[in-house]
Amino acid sequence: MDLRALSPAGRFVLFAASLAVGLAGCHSAQRLTPEQAEGKHLYDVRCAHCHEDNDLALKKVPPNLRGLFEHKALPSGIPASDAAVAANVLNGRGLMPGFAGRFTNEQMAALLAYLHTGLR
């Protein structure tokens, strides 16, 4: 097709249509808020070793936390709430050690904010 043969309006319509098609296939993830970004950093350095990578070669692999709050209950069966997740992190549960004293209140809030993103 010779684009020069199209009127300026026709070129614009063709451009707009091609732009729409191109953007339709582009699914950019929403940006994290500063609090969520801090939570992602904390998750990456303190949680992902076990819950994603299992680079500690644990025989019993901990549950994956992706989409944690999309379910009514945690893998343990406890209702999925900020308070329950914070208690599990701080006090430990089952084979998971507790991390009391290793998270400030602000850090715990950031971690929870990130977990609410589904781990983007």
Protein backbone atom coordinates (compact mmCIF):
# COMPACT_ATOMS: atom_id res chain seq x y z
CA MET A 1 0.00 0.00 0.00
CA ASP A 2 1.36 3.41 -0.96
CA LEU A 3 0.73 5.62 2.07
CA ARG A 4 1.30 8.72 -0.04
CA ALA A 5 -1.94 7.91 -1.88
CA LEU A 6 -3.93 8.26 1.35
CA SER A 7 -5.38 11.56 2.47
CA PRO A 8 -3.98 13.05 5.69
CA ALA A 9 -7.13 11.85 7.50
CA GLY A 10 -6.67 8.36 6.07
CA ARG A 11 -3.03 8.29 7.21
CA PHE A 12 -4.12 9.37 10.67
CA VAL A 13 -6.75 6.61 10.88
CA LEU A 14 -4.21 4.02 9.72
CA PHE A 15 -1.67 5.32 12.26
CA ALA A 16 -4.22 5.29 15.10
CA ALA A 17 -5.35 1.77 14.23
CA SER A 18 -1.78 0.44 14.12
CA LEU A 19 -1.00 2.16 17.40
CA ALA A 20 -4.06 0.60 19.03
CA VAL A 21 -3.11 -2.86 17.78
CA GLY A 22 0.44 -2.41 19.05
CA LEU A 23 -0.66 -1.24 22.47
CA ALA A 24 -3.25 -3.98 22.84
CA GLY A 25 -0.48 -6.57 22.99
CA CYS A 26 1.53 -4.54 25.48
CA HIS A 27 0.66 -5.49 29.05
CA SER A 28 2.85 -3.34 31.22
CA ALA A 29 2.61 -4.12 34.91
CA GLN A 30 1.43 -1.37 37.16
CA ARG A 31 4.23 0.38 38.96
CA LEU A 32 4.74 -0.37 42.61
CA THR A 33 4.25 2.35 45.17
CA PRO A 34 7.34 3.27 47.20
CA GLU A 35 5.97 1.20 50.11
CA GLN A 36 5.34 -1.81 47.86
CA ALA A 37 8.82 -1.44 46.33
CA GLU A 38 10.34 -1.52 49.82
CA GLY A 39 8.24 -4.60 50.55
CA LYS A 40 9.49 -6.23 47.35
CA HIS A 41 13.07 -5.58 48.44
CA LEU A 42 12.38 -7.11 51.86
CA TYR A 43 10.65 -10.09 50.25
CA ASP A 44 13.55 -10.61 47.84
CA VAL A 45 16.22 -10.57 50.55
CA ARG A 46 14.34 -12.25 53.41
CA CYS A 47 11.60 -14.46 52.00
CA ALA A 48 12.28 -15.52 48.41
CA HIS A 49 15.21 -17.76 49.41
CA CYS A 50 12.71 -20.24 50.77
CA HIS A 51 9.33 -19.32 49.31
CA GLU A 52 10.47 -19.08 45.68
CA ASP A 53 14.03 -20.16 45.07
CA ASN A 54 14.46 -22.85 47.75
CA ASP A 55 18.17 -22.15 47.37
CA LEU A 56 18.61 -23.50 50.89
CA ALA A 57 17.65 -26.95 49.55
CA LEU A 58 14.88 -27.43 52.08
CA LYS A 59 13.37 -30.90 51.95
CA LYS A 60 9.89 -29.53 52.64
CA VAL A 61 9.45 -26.66 50.20
CA PRO A 62 7.57 -23.72 51.75
CA PRO A 63 4.41 -22.55 50.00
CA ASN A 64 4.65 -20.11 47.13
CA LEU A 65 3.25 -16.77 48.25
CA ARG A 66 2.09 -15.52 44.85
CA GLY A 67 -1.52 -14.42 45.06
CA LEU A 68 -1.52 -15.04 48.82
CA PHE A 69 -4.36 -12.61 49.52
CA GLU A 70 -6.42 -13.77 46.55
CA HIS A 71 -7.51 -16.75 48.65
CA LYS A 72 -9.72 -16.75 51.73
CA ALA A 73 -7.21 -18.81 53.69
CA LEU A 74 -3.46 -19.11 53.99
CA PRO A 75 -1.84 -22.46 53.07
CA SER A 76 -2.08 -23.34 56.79
CA GLY A 77 -5.87 -22.91 56.69
CA ILE A 78 -5.86 -19.72 58.77
CA PRO A 79 -7.99 -16.92 57.27
CA ALA A 80 -5.86 -14.72 55.00
CA SER A 81 -5.46 -11.41 56.79
CA ASP A 82 -2.67 -8.93 57.42
CA ALA A 83 -2.67 -9.87 61.10
CA ALA A 84 -2.35 -13.61 60.37
CA VAL A 85 0.47 -13.13 57.86
CA ALA A 86 2.33 -10.76 60.19
CA ALA A 87 1.95 -13.26 63.06
CA ASN A 88 3.31 -16.09 60.86
CA VAL A 89 6.29 -13.96 59.82
CA LEU A 90 7.10 -12.74 63.31
CA ASN A 91 6.33 -15.89 65.32
CA GLY A 92 7.04 -18.56 62.73
CA ARG A 93 4.76 -21.47 61.92
CA GLY A 94 5.55 -25.13 61.48
CA LEU A 95 9.08 -25.37 60.11
CA MET A 96 9.27 -21.65 59.36
CA PRO A 97 11.36 -19.77 61.92
CA GLY A 98 10.07 -16.56 63.43
CA PHE A 99 11.49 -13.22 62.36
CA ALA A 100 10.53 -11.21 65.46
CA GLY A 101 12.90 -8.31 65.94
CA ARG A 102 14.00 -8.40 62.29
CA PHE A 103 11.16 -6.28 60.91
CA THR A 104 10.12 -2.83 62.07
CA ASN A 105 6.42 -1.99 61.96
CA GLU A 106 7.06 0.04 58.80
CA GLN A 107 8.91 -2.84 57.17
CA MET A 108 6.11 -5.27 58.03
CA ALA A 109 3.56 -2.85 56.55
CA ALA A 110 5.70 -2.60 53.39
CA LEU A 111 6.02 -6.39 53.14
CA LEU A 112 2.26 -6.81 53.53
CA ALA A 113 1.63 -4.09 50.93
CA TYR A 114 3.85 -5.98 48.50
CA LEU A 115 2.22 -9.33 49.25
CA HIS A 116 -1.14 -7.71 48.44
CA THR A 117 0.14 -7.06 44.90
CA GLY A 118 0.30 -10.81 44.31
CA LEU A 119 4.12 -10.49 43.98
CA ARG A 120 4.39 -8.46 40.78
